Amino acid sequence: MGAEVPKQFLLIGDRPVLMHTLNVFYEALPDFQLILVIPEEHFSFWEALCLKYNYIKPFLLVKGGTSRYQSVKNGLALVPEDALVAIHDGVRPFPGIEMIQRVFQHAEENGNAIPVMPLNDSIRKIEGPENMAVDRSLYRLVQTPQCFHAKLLKDCYQKTTTDAFTDDASVLDAFGIKINFIDGENGNIKITRKEDLSYAEFLLSDKK
């Protein structure tokens, strides 16, 4: 991103990205407990932002690890085994409320659920110095929130010995557990590049 602060603290409209993200979940699931995992060295900066923007919604604050896997594991330590748990990227500020509710409902019925999107562009596979066209209909783009029966996910995390996973469904994959899809959304963007902020501003103005 090339910014002076981590991207989850950059502004969209009148508040940081992370506050937009949390607000959607409060609206979609007002009775659920939210656990916010960020690096411990950012605690004081985040707390200062909460004071500046008068952000008083409740959440549990947990220190992150050295990888995404370790950060999720730290957060899971506070989740009861008989709960449903969803893991979401803090820099995806606009998941649809109805999509969040659907992913929980589908996971409750089927053990897990993740939102995915079809690919619109052609893709090619790279093998060493060679590359080849592949059938894009066989692939999906993966989004969050990814939702699971907590005991299932916690058990898989406890049995795992590598932290190279880039999402939570991949942890279940390692143990041969079927992953269930729901439809994702075009607006559920992950803010990664500078141009994503401009698109996020557009999405925010459109929602307003």
N, C-alpha and C. Protein backbone atom coordinates (compact mmCIF):
# COMPACT_ATOMS: atom_id res chain seq x y z
N MET A 1 0.83 -1.21 0.00
CA MET A 1 0.00 0.00 0.00
C MET A 1 0.87 1.27 0.00
N GLY A 2 2.03 1.20 0.63
CA GLY A 2 2.93 2.35 0.67
C GLY A 2 2.45 3.48 1.56
N ALA A 3 1.57 3.18 2.52
CA ALA A 3 1.03 4.21 3.42
C ALA A 3 1.86 4.30 4.70
N GLU A 4 1.68 5.39 5.45
CA GLU A 4 2.43 5.57 6.69
C GLU A 4 1.87 4.73 7.83
N VAL A 5 0.61 4.30 7.72
CA VAL A 5 -0.02 3.46 8.75
C VAL A 5 -0.54 2.20 8.07
N PRO A 6 -0.74 1.11 8.82
CA PRO A 6 -1.31 -0.11 8.24
C PRO A 6 -2.64 0.17 7.57
N LYS A 7 -2.93 -0.59 6.51
CA LYS A 7 -4.09 -0.28 5.66
C LYS A 7 -5.42 -0.36 6.40
N GLN A 8 -5.51 -1.18 7.48
CA GLN A 8 -6.78 -1.27 8.21
C GLN A 8 -7.10 0.03 8.95
N PHE A 9 -6.11 0.92 9.10
CA PHE A 9 -6.32 2.17 9.81
C PHE A 9 -6.48 3.36 8.87
N LEU A 10 -6.37 3.14 7.57
CA LEU A 10 -6.56 4.22 6.61
C LEU A 10 -8.04 4.63 6.56
N LEU A 11 -8.29 5.85 6.17
CA LEU A 11 -9.66 6.38 6.19
C LEU A 11 -10.40 6.03 4.91
N ILE A 12 -11.66 5.64 5.08
CA ILE A 12 -12.65 5.61 3.99
C ILE A 12 -13.78 6.51 4.47
N GLY A 13 -14.04 7.55 3.72
CA GLY A 13 -15.04 8.50 4.20
C GLY A 13 -14.56 9.16 5.48
N ASP A 14 -15.34 9.00 6.54
CA ASP A 14 -15.04 9.73 7.77
C ASP A 14 -14.49 8.86 8.88
N ARG A 15 -14.06 7.62 8.57
CA ARG A 15 -13.54 6.75 9.62
C ARG A 15 -12.62 5.68 9.05
N PRO A 16 -11.81 5.05 9.91
CA PRO A 16 -10.88 4.03 9.44
C PRO A 16 -11.58 2.80 8.86
N VAL A 17 -10.87 2.14 7.95
CA VAL A 17 -11.38 0.93 7.30
C VAL A 17 -11.93 -0.06 8.33
N LEU A 18 -11.17 -0.32 9.38
CA LEU A 18 -11.54 -1.35 10.34
C LEU A 18 -12.86 -1.06 11.04
N MET A 19 -13.17 0.20 11.27
CA MET A 19 -14.44 0.54 11.91
C MET A 19 -15.61 0.26 10.97
N HIS A 20 -15.44 0.51 9.68
CA HIS A 20 -16.48 0.15 8.72
C HIS A 20 -16.72 -1.36 8.76
N THR A 21 -15.64 -2.13 8.81
CA THR A 21 -15.74 -3.59 8.82
C THR A 21 -16.51 -4.07 10.04
N LEU A 22 -16.12 -3.58 11.21
CA LEU A 22 -16.79 -4.00 12.44
C LEU A 22 -18.27 -3.61 12.43
N ASN A 23 -18.56 -2.43 11.92
CA ASN A 23 -19.94 -1.94 11.94
C ASN A 23 -20.89 -2.85 11.15
N VAL A 24 -20.41 -3.39 10.03
CA VAL A 24 -21.26 -4.28 9.23
C VAL A 24 -21.64 -5.52 10.04
N PHE A 25 -20.68 -6.06 10.79
CA PHE A 25 -20.97 -7.26 11.57
C PHE A 25 -21.89 -6.96 12.75
N TYR A 26 -21.74 -5.79 13.36
CA TYR A 26 -22.67 -5.40 14.42
C TYR A 26 -24.10 -5.31 13.89
N GLU A 27 -24.23 -4.82 12.67
CA GLU A 27 -25.56 -4.68 12.08
C GLU A 27 -26.13 -6.03 11.67
N ALA A 28 -25.27 -6.90 11.14
CA ALA A 28 -25.74 -8.21 10.66
C ALA A 28 -26.03 -9.17 11.80
N LEU A 29 -25.22 -9.11 12.86
CA LEU A 29 -25.29 -10.09 13.96
C LEU A 29 -25.16 -9.36 15.30
N PRO A 30 -26.17 -8.61 15.68
CA PRO A 30 -26.05 -7.76 16.87
C PRO A 30 -25.82 -8.51 18.17
N ASP A 31 -26.17 -9.80 18.24
CA ASP A 31 -26.01 -10.56 19.48
C ASP A 31 -24.71 -11.34 19.53
N PHE A 32 -23.89 -11.25 18.51
CA PHE A 32 -22.65 -12.03 18.47
C PHE A 32 -21.50 -11.27 19.12
N GLN A 33 -20.55 -12.03 19.68
CA GLN A 33 -19.34 -11.45 20.26
C GLN A 33 -18.28 -11.27 19.18
N LEU A 34 -17.76 -10.07 19.05
CA LEU A 34 -16.70 -9.82 18.07
C LEU A 34 -15.33 -9.83 18.75
N ILE A 35 -14.39 -10.51 18.12
CA ILE A 35 -13.01 -10.59 18.59
C ILE A 35 -12.12 -9.94 17.54
N LEU A 36 -11.42 -8.89 17.94
CA LEU A 36 -10.56 -8.15 17.02
C LEU A 36 -9.11 -8.53 17.29
N VAL A 37 -8.46 -9.07 16.26
CA VAL A 37 -7.06 -9.50 16.38
C VAL A 37 -6.18 -8.56 15.58
N ILE A 38 -5.30 -7.83 16.27
CA ILE A 38 -4.35 -6.94 15.61
C ILE A 38 -3.00 -7.07 16.32
N PRO A 39 -1.91 -6.65 15.68
CA PRO A 39 -0.60 -6.72 16.34
C PRO A 39 -0.59 -5.93 17.65
N GLU A 40 0.06 -6.49 18.64
CA GLU A 40 0.07 -5.85 19.96
C GLU A 40 0.66 -4.44 19.91
N GLU A 41 1.63 -4.22 19.02
CA GLU A 41 2.24 -2.90 18.92
C GLU A 41 1.27 -1.85 18.36
N HIS A 42 0.13 -2.29 17.83
CA HIS A 42 -0.87 -1.35 17.31
C HIS A 42 -2.01 -1.09 18.30
N PHE A 43 -1.97 -1.72 19.46
CA PHE A 43 -3.06 -1.56 20.43
C PHE A 43 -3.28 -0.09 20.79
N SER A 44 -2.21 0.61 21.15
CA SER A 44 -2.37 1.99 21.61
C SER A 44 -2.84 2.89 20.47
N PHE A 45 -2.37 2.62 19.24
CA PHE A 45 -2.82 3.42 18.10
C PHE A 45 -4.30 3.20 17.84
N TRP A 46 -4.75 1.95 17.90
CA TRP A 46 -6.16 1.64 17.71
C TRP A 46 -7.01 2.27 18.80
N GLU A 47 -6.56 2.18 20.03
CA GLU A 47 -7.31 2.78 21.13
C GLU A 47 -7.41 4.30 20.98
N ALA A 48 -6.35 4.91 20.47
CA ALA A 48 -6.40 6.36 20.23
C ALA A 48 -7.40 6.68 19.12
N LEU A 49 -7.47 5.83 18.08
CA LEU A 49 -8.46 6.03 17.02
C LEU A 49 -9.88 5.90 17.56
N CYS A 50 -10.10 4.93 18.45
CA CYS A 50 -11.43 4.76 19.03
C CYS A 50 -11.85 6.00 19.81
N LEU A 51 -10.90 6.60 20.52
CA LEU A 51 -11.20 7.83 21.25
C LEU A 51 -11.48 8.98 20.27
N LYS A 52 -10.66 9.09 19.25
CA LYS A 52 -10.80 10.18 18.28
C LYS A 52 -12.14 10.14 17.58
N TYR A 53 -12.59 8.93 17.22
CA TYR A 53 -13.84 8.79 16.46
C TYR A 53 -15.02 8.37 17.35
N ASN A 54 -14.82 8.44 18.65
CA ASN A 54 -15.87 8.11 19.61
C ASN A 54 -16.47 6.74 19.30
N TYR A 55 -15.59 5.77 19.09
CA TYR A 55 -16.02 4.42 18.72
C TYR A 55 -16.13 3.59 19.99
N ILE A 56 -17.36 3.27 20.38
CA ILE A 56 -17.59 2.65 21.69
C ILE A 56 -18.26 1.28 21.59
N LYS A 57 -18.38 0.74 20.39
CA LYS A 57 -19.00 -0.58 20.26
C LYS A 57 -18.10 -1.64 20.92
N PRO A 58 -18.70 -2.66 21.53
CA PRO A 58 -17.90 -3.64 22.30
C PRO A 58 -17.21 -4.68 21.42
N PHE A 59 -16.00 -5.04 21.80
CA PHE A 59 -15.27 -6.13 21.16
C PHE A 59 -14.15 -6.57 22.11
N LEU A 60 -13.68 -7.79 21.92
CA LEU A 60 -12.53 -8.29 22.65
C LEU A 60 -11.29 -8.06 21.80
N LEU A 61 -10.24 -7.51 22.39
CA LEU A 61 -9.02 -7.21 21.66
C LEU A 61 -7.97 -8.27 21.98
N VAL A 62 -7.43 -8.87 20.93
CA VAL A 62 -6.47 -9.97 21.08
C VAL A 62 -5.23 -9.65 20.24
N LYS A 63 -4.06 -9.95 20.79
CA LYS A 63 -2.83 -9.68 20.03
C LYS A 63 -2.65 -10.72 18.93
N GLY A 64 -2.21 -10.24 17.77
CA GLY A 64 -1.97 -11.11 16.64
C GLY A 64 -0.65 -11.86 16.77
N GLY A 65 -0.45 -12.82 15.86
CA GLY A 65 0.78 -13.59 15.83
C GLY A 65 1.68 -13.15 14.69
N THR A 66 2.66 -13.98 14.38
CA THR A 66 3.62 -13.65 13.33
C THR A 66 3.11 -14.00 11.93
N SER A 67 1.94 -14.63 11.84
CA SER A 67 1.33 -14.99 10.56
C SER A 67 -0.18 -14.94 10.72
N ARG A 68 -0.89 -15.01 9.60
CA ARG A 68 -2.35 -15.04 9.66
C ARG A 68 -2.81 -16.25 10.47
N TYR A 69 -2.19 -17.40 10.21
CA TYR A 69 -2.54 -18.63 10.92
C TYR A 69 -2.42 -18.44 12.43
N GLN A 70 -1.30 -17.88 12.89
CA GLN A 70 -1.09 -17.70 14.32
C GLN A 70 -2.08 -16.68 14.91
N SER A 71 -2.41 -15.65 14.13
CA SER A 71 -3.37 -14.65 14.61
C SER A 71 -4.75 -15.26 14.80
N VAL A 72 -5.20 -16.06 13.81
CA VAL A 72 -6.49 -16.72 13.94
C VAL A 72 -6.49 -17.67 15.13
N LYS A 73 -5.41 -18.38 15.31
CA LYS A 73 -5.30 -19.32 16.43
C LYS A 73 -5.42 -18.59 17.77
N ASN A 74 -4.81 -17.41 17.87
CA ASN A 74 -4.93 -16.62 19.09
C ASN A 74 -6.37 -16.20 19.35
N GLY A 75 -7.07 -15.81 18.29
CA GLY A 75 -8.47 -15.42 18.44
C GLY A 75 -9.35 -16.60 18.78
N LEU A 76 -9.10 -17.76 18.18
CA LEU A 76 -9.90 -18.96 18.44
C LEU A 76 -9.82 -19.41 19.89
N ALA A 77 -8.74 -19.06 20.58
CA ALA A 77 -8.59 -19.46 21.98
C ALA A 77 -9.71 -18.91 22.85
N LEU A 78 -10.37 -17.84 22.39
CA LEU A 78 -11.45 -17.23 23.17
C LEU A 78 -12.84 -17.69 22.72
N VAL A 79 -12.89 -18.56 21.73
CA VAL A 79 -14.17 -18.99 21.16
C VAL A 79 -14.61 -20.31 21.79
N PRO A 80 -15.83 -20.38 22.36
CA PRO A 80 -16.33 -21.66 22.91
C PRO A 80 -16.48 -22.71 21.82
N GLU A 81 -16.29 -23.96 22.18
CA GLU A 81 -16.36 -25.04 21.18
C GLU A 81 -17.76 -25.23 20.62
N ASP A 82 -18.80 -24.85 21.37
CA ASP A 82 -20.17 -25.07 20.90
C ASP A 82 -20.73 -23.89 20.12
N ALA A 83 -19.85 -22.98 19.68
CA ALA A 83 -20.28 -21.79 18.96
C ALA A 83 -20.11 -21.96 17.45
N LEU A 84 -20.72 -21.05 16.70
CA LEU A 84 -20.35 -20.83 15.31
C LEU A 84 -19.34 -19.69 15.29
N VAL A 85 -18.30 -19.83 14.49
CA VAL A 85 -17.28 -18.78 14.42
C VAL A 85 -17.01 -18.44 12.96
N ALA A 86 -16.91 -17.15 12.68
CA ALA A 86 -16.55 -16.69 11.35
C ALA A 86 -15.26 -15.88 11.44
N ILE A 87 -14.37 -16.09 10.49
CA ILE A 87 -13.13 -15.32 10.42
C ILE A 87 -13.22 -14.42 9.20
N HIS A 88 -12.91 -13.13 9.41
CA HIS A 88 -13.06 -12.15 8.34
C HIS A 88 -11.84 -11.25 8.27
N ASP A 89 -11.46 -10.85 7.05
CA ASP A 89 -10.36 -9.92 6.86
C ASP A 89 -10.78 -8.52 7.29
N GLY A 90 -9.99 -7.90 8.15
CA GLY A 90 -10.32 -6.56 8.61
C GLY A 90 -10.35 -5.52 7.52
N VAL A 91 -9.67 -5.81 6.40
CA VAL A 91 -9.63 -4.86 5.28
C VAL A 91 -10.63 -5.22 4.19
N ARG A 92 -11.67 -5.98 4.55
CA ARG A 92 -12.85 -6.16 3.69
C ARG A 92 -14.01 -5.43 4.37
N PRO A 93 -14.17 -4.12 4.12
CA PRO A 93 -15.12 -3.33 4.91
C PRO A 93 -16.57 -3.41 4.47
N PHE A 94 -16.87 -4.05 3.32
CA PHE A 94 -18.23 -3.99 2.80
C PHE A 94 -18.84 -5.35 2.48
N PRO A 95 -18.69 -6.36 3.35
CA PRO A 95 -19.46 -7.58 3.11
C PRO A 95 -20.94 -7.29 3.29
N GLY A 96 -21.78 -7.85 2.45
CA GLY A 96 -23.21 -7.59 2.57
C GLY A 96 -23.80 -8.20 3.83
N ILE A 97 -24.73 -7.50 4.45
CA ILE A 97 -25.37 -8.00 5.67
C ILE A 97 -26.06 -9.33 5.40
N GLU A 98 -26.77 -9.40 4.28
CA GLU A 98 -27.49 -10.63 3.95
C GLU A 98 -26.50 -11.78 3.68
N MET A 99 -25.36 -11.47 3.07
CA MET A 99 -24.35 -12.50 2.82
C MET A 99 -23.77 -13.03 4.13
N ILE A 100 -23.50 -12.15 5.08
CA ILE A 100 -22.99 -12.58 6.39
C ILE A 100 -23.99 -13.52 7.06
N GLN A 101 -25.25 -13.15 7.02
CA GLN A 101 -26.28 -13.99 7.63
C GLN A 101 -26.39 -15.34 6.92
N ARG A 102 -26.26 -15.32 5.58
CA ARG A 102 -26.32 -16.58 4.82
C ARG A 102 -25.16 -17.50 5.15
N VAL A 103 -23.96 -16.94 5.31
CA VAL A 103 -22.81 -17.80 5.56
C VAL A 103 -22.93 -18.46 6.93
N PHE A 104 -23.49 -17.76 7.90
CA PHE A 104 -23.72 -18.36 9.22
C PHE A 104 -24.79 -19.45 9.14
N GLN A 105 -25.87 -19.16 8.44
CA GLN A 105 -26.95 -20.15 8.33
C GLN A 105 -26.46 -21.41 7.63
N HIS A 106 -25.71 -21.24 6.55
CA HIS A 106 -25.23 -22.40 5.79
C HIS A 106 -24.22 -23.20 6.62
N ALA A 107 -23.37 -22.51 7.36
CA ALA A 107 -22.39 -23.21 8.20
C ALA A 107 -23.07 -23.96 9.34
N GLU A 108 -24.11 -23.36 9.90
CA GLU A 108 -24.84 -24.04 10.99
C GLU A 108 -25.44 -25.35 10.47
N GLU A 109 -25.92 -25.34 9.25
CA GLU A 109 -26.58 -26.53 8.69
C GLU A 109 -25.58 -27.55 8.14
N ASN A 110 -24.39 -27.09 7.70
CA ASN A 110 -23.48 -27.97 6.96
C ASN A 110 -22.08 -28.09 7.56
N GLY A 111 -21.83 -27.42 8.67
CA GLY A 111 -20.52 -27.53 9.32
C GLY A 111 -19.56 -26.42 8.97
N ASN A 112 -19.65 -25.89 7.75
CA ASN A 112 -18.80 -24.78 7.33
C ASN A 112 -19.39 -24.15 6.08
N ALA A 113 -18.95 -22.94 5.78
CA ALA A 113 -19.37 -22.26 4.55
C ALA A 113 -18.40 -21.11 4.27
N ILE A 114 -18.09 -20.93 2.99
CA ILE A 114 -17.25 -19.80 2.58
C ILE A 114 -17.85 -19.15 1.35
N PRO A 115 -17.74 -17.82 1.21
CA PRO A 115 -18.24 -17.15 0.01
C PRO A 115 -17.20 -17.20 -1.11
N VAL A 116 -17.65 -17.47 -2.31
CA VAL A 116 -16.76 -17.54 -3.47
C VAL A 116 -17.39 -16.82 -4.65
N MET A 117 -16.52 -16.44 -5.60
CA MET A 117 -16.96 -15.76 -6.81
C MET A 117 -16.36 -16.44 -8.03
N PRO A 118 -17.12 -16.54 -9.15
CA PRO A 118 -16.54 -17.06 -10.39
C PRO A 118 -15.52 -16.08 -10.96
N LEU A 119 -14.63 -16.58 -11.77
CA LEU A 119 -13.65 -15.73 -12.45
C LEU A 119 -14.24 -15.18 -13.73
N ASN A 120 -13.97 -13.90 -14.01
CA ASN A 120 -14.44 -13.28 -15.24
C ASN A 120 -13.37 -13.26 -16.32
N ASP A 121 -12.11 -13.32 -15.91
CA ASP A 121 -11.01 -13.24 -16.86
C ASP A 121 -10.46 -14.63 -17.17
N SER A 122 -9.84 -14.74 -18.34
CA SER A 122 -9.12 -15.97 -18.66
C SER A 122 -7.90 -16.08 -17.75
N ILE A 123 -7.51 -17.32 -17.44
CA ILE A 123 -6.33 -17.53 -16.60
C ILE A 123 -5.42 -18.55 -17.24
N ARG A 124 -4.14 -18.49 -16.84
CA ARG A 124 -3.14 -19.42 -17.34
C ARG A 124 -2.36 -20.00 -16.16
N LYS A 125 -1.97 -21.24 -16.29
CA LYS A 125 -1.21 -21.93 -15.26
C LYS A 125 0.27 -21.92 -15.63
N ILE A 126 1.12 -21.61 -14.65
CA ILE A 126 2.57 -21.56 -14.88
C ILE A 126 3.21 -22.81 -14.30
N GLU A 127 3.97 -23.50 -15.10
CA GLU A 127 4.74 -24.66 -14.65
C GLU A 127 6.18 -24.48 -15.13
N GLY A 128 7.04 -24.03 -14.19
CA GLY A 128 8.42 -23.76 -14.57
C GLY A 128 8.48 -22.68 -15.63
N PRO A 129 9.19 -22.92 -16.74
CA PRO A 129 9.28 -21.90 -17.79
C PRO A 129 8.07 -21.90 -18.73
N GLU A 130 7.18 -22.87 -18.57
CA GLU A 130 6.03 -23.01 -19.46
C GLU A 130 4.77 -22.42 -18.84
N ASN A 131 3.76 -22.10 -19.67
CA ASN A 131 2.45 -21.68 -19.18
C ASN A 131 1.39 -22.20 -20.14
N MET A 132 0.19 -22.37 -19.61
CA MET A 132 -0.88 -22.96 -20.42
C MET A 132 -2.23 -22.42 -19.99
N ALA A 133 -3.17 -22.37 -20.91
CA ALA A 133 -4.53 -21.95 -20.61
C ALA A 133 -5.23 -23.04 -19.81
N VAL A 134 -6.08 -22.63 -18.86
CA VAL A 134 -6.87 -23.57 -18.07
C VAL A 134 -8.32 -23.12 -18.09
N ASP A 135 -9.21 -24.03 -17.76
CA ASP A 135 -10.64 -23.76 -17.78
C ASP A 135 -11.02 -22.96 -16.53
N ARG A 136 -11.36 -21.67 -16.72
CA ARG A 136 -11.66 -20.82 -15.57
C ARG A 136 -12.92 -21.25 -14.82
N SER A 137 -13.80 -22.03 -15.48
CA SER A 137 -15.02 -22.48 -14.80
C SER A 137 -14.71 -23.47 -13.67
N LEU A 138 -13.49 -23.99 -13.64
CA LEU A 138 -13.09 -24.95 -12.59
C LEU A 138 -12.53 -24.25 -11.36
N TYR A 139 -12.47 -22.91 -11.38
CA TYR A 139 -11.84 -22.17 -10.29
C TYR A 139 -12.80 -21.12 -9.73
N ARG A 140 -12.55 -20.75 -8.48
CA ARG A 140 -13.33 -19.72 -7.81
C ARG A 140 -12.41 -18.80 -7.01
N LEU A 141 -12.78 -17.52 -6.95
CA LEU A 141 -12.12 -16.57 -6.06
C LEU A 141 -12.73 -16.71 -4.67
N VAL A 142 -11.89 -16.76 -3.65
CA VAL A 142 -12.35 -17.01 -2.28
C VAL A 142 -12.40 -15.69 -1.50
N GLN A 143 -13.50 -15.48 -0.78
CA GLN A 143 -13.67 -14.30 0.05
C GLN A 143 -13.82 -14.70 1.53
N THR A 144 -14.00 -13.71 2.36
CA THR A 144 -14.40 -13.92 3.75
C THR A 144 -15.65 -13.07 3.99
N PRO A 145 -16.45 -13.36 5.05
CA PRO A 145 -16.15 -14.24 6.18
C PRO A 145 -16.29 -15.72 5.83
N GLN A 146 -15.41 -16.53 6.44
CA GLN A 146 -15.51 -17.97 6.35
C GLN A 146 -15.99 -18.48 7.71
N CYS A 147 -17.04 -19.29 7.69
CA CYS A 147 -17.74 -19.63 8.93
C CYS A 147 -17.68 -21.14 9.18
N PHE A 148 -17.57 -21.53 10.46
CA PHE A 148 -17.36 -22.93 10.83
C PHE A 148 -18.01 -23.23 12.17
N HIS A 149 -18.34 -24.51 12.39
CA HIS A 149 -18.57 -24.96 13.75
C HIS A 149 -17.24 -24.83 14.48
N ALA A 150 -17.25 -24.14 15.60
CA ALA A 150 -15.99 -23.77 16.26
C ALA A 150 -15.15 -24.99 16.64
N LYS A 151 -15.77 -26.04 17.16
CA LYS A 151 -14.99 -27.21 17.58
C LYS A 151 -14.24 -27.81 16.41
N LEU A 152 -14.89 -27.88 15.25
CA LEU A 152 -14.26 -28.42 14.06
C LEU A 152 -13.02 -27.61 13.70
N LEU A 153 -13.18 -26.29 13.66
CA LEU A 153 -12.06 -25.44 13.26
C LEU A 153 -10.95 -25.46 14.30
N LYS A 154 -11.31 -25.40 15.57
CA LYS A 154 -10.30 -25.41 16.64
C LYS A 154 -9.52 -26.72 16.64
N ASP A 155 -10.20 -27.83 16.42
CA ASP A 155 -9.52 -29.13 16.37
C ASP A 155 -8.50 -29.16 15.24
N CYS A 156 -8.90 -28.65 14.06
CA CYS A 156 -7.99 -28.65 12.92
C CYS A 156 -6.78 -27.75 13.18
N TYR A 157 -7.01 -26.60 13.79
CA TYR A 157 -5.89 -25.71 14.10
C TYR A 157 -4.93 -26.34 15.10
N GLN A 158 -5.46 -27.08 16.06
CA GLN A 158 -4.60 -27.73 17.05
C GLN A 158 -3.74 -28.83 16.44
N LYS A 159 -4.26 -29.48 15.41
CA LYS A 159 -3.55 -30.60 14.78
C LYS A 159 -2.56 -30.13 13.72
N THR A 160 -2.64 -28.88 13.32
CA THR A 160 -1.83 -28.38 12.22
C THR A 160 -0.44 -27.99 12.71
N THR A 161 0.57 -28.32 11.89
CA THR A 161 1.95 -28.01 12.28
C THR A 161 2.60 -26.95 11.40
N THR A 162 1.87 -26.44 10.42
CA THR A 162 2.42 -25.40 9.55
C THR A 162 1.55 -24.15 9.63
N ASP A 163 2.18 -23.00 9.42
CA ASP A 163 1.41 -21.75 9.44
C ASP A 163 1.40 -21.09 8.07
N ALA A 164 1.51 -21.90 7.01
CA ALA A 164 1.57 -21.37 5.65
C ALA A 164 0.20 -21.16 5.02
N PHE A 165 -0.88 -21.46 5.76
CA PHE A 165 -2.22 -21.33 5.19
C PHE A 165 -2.59 -19.86 4.99
N THR A 166 -3.25 -19.58 3.86
CA THR A 166 -3.67 -18.20 3.57
C THR A 166 -5.13 -17.95 3.90
N ASP A 167 -5.90 -19.01 4.19
CA ASP A 167 -7.26 -18.84 4.67
C ASP A 167 -7.61 -20.04 5.54
N ASP A 168 -8.79 -20.01 6.14
CA ASP A 168 -9.16 -21.02 7.13
C ASP A 168 -9.72 -22.27 6.49
N ALA A 169 -10.37 -22.13 5.34
CA ALA A 169 -10.86 -23.30 4.63
C ALA A 169 -9.70 -24.23 4.26
N SER A 170 -8.53 -23.66 3.98
CA SER A 170 -7.37 -24.46 3.63
C SER A 170 -6.91 -25.34 4.79
N VAL A 171 -7.14 -24.88 6.01
CA VAL A 171 -6.78 -25.68 7.18
C VAL A 171 -7.65 -26.93 7.22
N LEU A 172 -8.96 -26.77 6.94
CA LEU A 172 -9.85 -27.93 6.89
C LEU A 172 -9.51 -28.84 5.72
N ASP A 173 -9.10 -28.23 4.60
CA ASP A 173 -8.69 -29.02 3.43
C ASP A 173 -7.60 -30.03 3.81
N ALA A 174 -6.69 -29.60 4.66
CA ALA A 174 -5.55 -30.44 5.03
C ALA A 174 -5.99 -31.74 5.71
N PHE A 175 -7.22 -31.75 6.21
CA PHE A 175 -7.73 -32.93 6.90
C PHE A 175 -8.87 -33.60 6.12
N GLY A 176 -8.99 -33.24 4.84
CA GLY A 176 -9.95 -33.89 3.97
C GLY A 176 -11.39 -33.53 4.22
N ILE A 177 -11.65 -32.38 4.84
CA ILE A 177 -13.02 -31.96 5.15
C ILE A 177 -13.59 -31.16 3.98
N LYS A 178 -14.78 -31.53 3.54
CA LYS A 178 -15.42 -30.85 2.41
C LYS A 178 -15.75 -29.40 2.78
N ILE A 179 -15.47 -28.50 1.85
CA ILE A 179 -15.76 -27.08 2.02
C ILE A 179 -17.01 -26.73 1.23
N ASN A 180 -17.94 -26.05 1.87
CA ASN A 180 -19.22 -25.69 1.26
C ASN A 180 -19.21 -24.23 0.81
N PHE A 181 -19.74 -23.98 -0.39
CA PHE A 181 -19.73 -22.64 -0.97
C PHE A 181 -21.09 -21.94 -0.78
N ILE A 182 -21.02 -20.62 -0.64
CA ILE A 182 -22.17 -19.75 -0.89
C ILE A 182 -21.70 -18.69 -1.88
N ASP A 183 -22.64 -17.97 -2.48
CA ASP A 183 -22.28 -16.92 -3.44
C ASP A 183 -21.67 -15.73 -2.71
N GLY A 184 -20.50 -15.30 -3.19
CA GLY A 184 -19.90 -14.08 -2.67
C GLY A 184 -20.48 -12.85 -3.35
N GLU A 185 -19.81 -11.72 -3.18
CA GLU A 185 -20.32 -10.45 -3.71
C GLU A 185 -19.19 -9.63 -4.32
N ASN A 186 -19.51 -8.94 -5.43
CA ASN A 186 -18.51 -8.08 -6.07
C ASN A 186 -18.04 -6.96 -5.15
N GLY A 187 -18.94 -6.45 -4.32
CA GLY A 187 -18.59 -5.34 -3.44
C GLY A 187 -17.78 -5.74 -2.22
N ASN A 188 -17.59 -7.03 -2.01
CA ASN A 188 -16.84 -7.51 -0.84
C ASN A 188 -15.35 -7.48 -1.15
N ILE A 189 -14.84 -6.28 -1.41
CA ILE A 189 -13.46 -6.12 -1.86
C ILE A 189 -12.49 -6.18 -0.69
N LYS A 190 -11.27 -6.62 -0.99
CA LYS A 190 -10.18 -6.60 -0.02
C LYS A 190 -9.25 -5.46 -0.38
N ILE A 191 -9.05 -4.53 0.54
CA ILE A 191 -8.24 -3.35 0.25
C ILE A 191 -6.76 -3.74 0.34
N THR A 192 -6.12 -3.74 -0.80
CA THR A 192 -4.72 -4.18 -0.90
C THR A 192 -3.85 -3.12 -1.56
N ARG A 193 -4.38 -2.42 -2.56
CA ARG A 193 -3.62 -1.43 -3.32
C ARG A 193 -4.24 -0.04 -3.15
N LYS A 194 -3.51 0.97 -3.54
CA LYS A 194 -4.00 2.34 -3.40
C LYS A 194 -5.31 2.55 -4.16
N GLU A 195 -5.41 1.94 -5.35
CA GLU A 195 -6.63 2.15 -6.14
C GLU A 195 -7.86 1.52 -5.47
N ASP A 196 -7.63 0.54 -4.58
CA ASP A 196 -8.75 -0.07 -3.87
C ASP A 196 -9.43 0.94 -2.94
N LEU A 197 -8.66 1.88 -2.42
CA LEU A 197 -9.25 2.91 -1.55
C LEU A 197 -10.23 3.78 -2.33
N SER A 198 -9.88 4.12 -3.56
CA SER A 198 -10.78 4.93 -4.39
C SER A 198 -12.07 4.18 -4.67
N TYR A 199 -11.95 2.89 -4.96
CA TYR A 199 -13.14 2.08 -5.23
C TYR A 199 -13.98 1.96 -3.95
N ALA A 200 -13.30 1.83 -2.81
CA ALA A 200 -14.02 1.74 -1.53
C ALA A 200 -14.79 3.03 -1.26
N GLU A 201 -14.19 4.18 -1.59
CA GLU A 201 -14.90 5.46 -1.42
C GLU A 201 -16.16 5.49 -2.29
N PHE A 202 -16.05 4.97 -3.51
CA PHE A 202 -17.21 4.90 -4.40
C PHE A 202 -18.29 4.00 -3.80
N LEU A 203 -17.88 2.82 -3.30
CA LEU A 203 -18.86 1.90 -2.72
C LEU A 203 -19.55 2.52 -1.50
N LEU A 204 -18.77 3.25 -0.71
CA LEU A 204 -19.34 3.89 0.47
C LEU A 204 -20.35 4.96 0.06
N SER A 205 -20.02 5.76 -0.93
CA SER A 205 -20.96 6.81 -1.36
C SER A 205 -22.21 6.18 -1.96
N ASP A 206 -22.05 5.06 -2.65
CA ASP A 206 -23.18 4.36 -3.24
C ASP A 206 -24.11 3.82 -2.15
N LYS A 207 -23.53 3.29 -1.07
CA LYS A 207 -24.34 2.78 0.04
C LYS A 207 -25.11 3.92 0.71
N LYS A 208 -24.45 5.07 0.86
CA LYS A 208 -25.12 6.21 1.48
C LYS A 208 -26.26 6.73 0.63
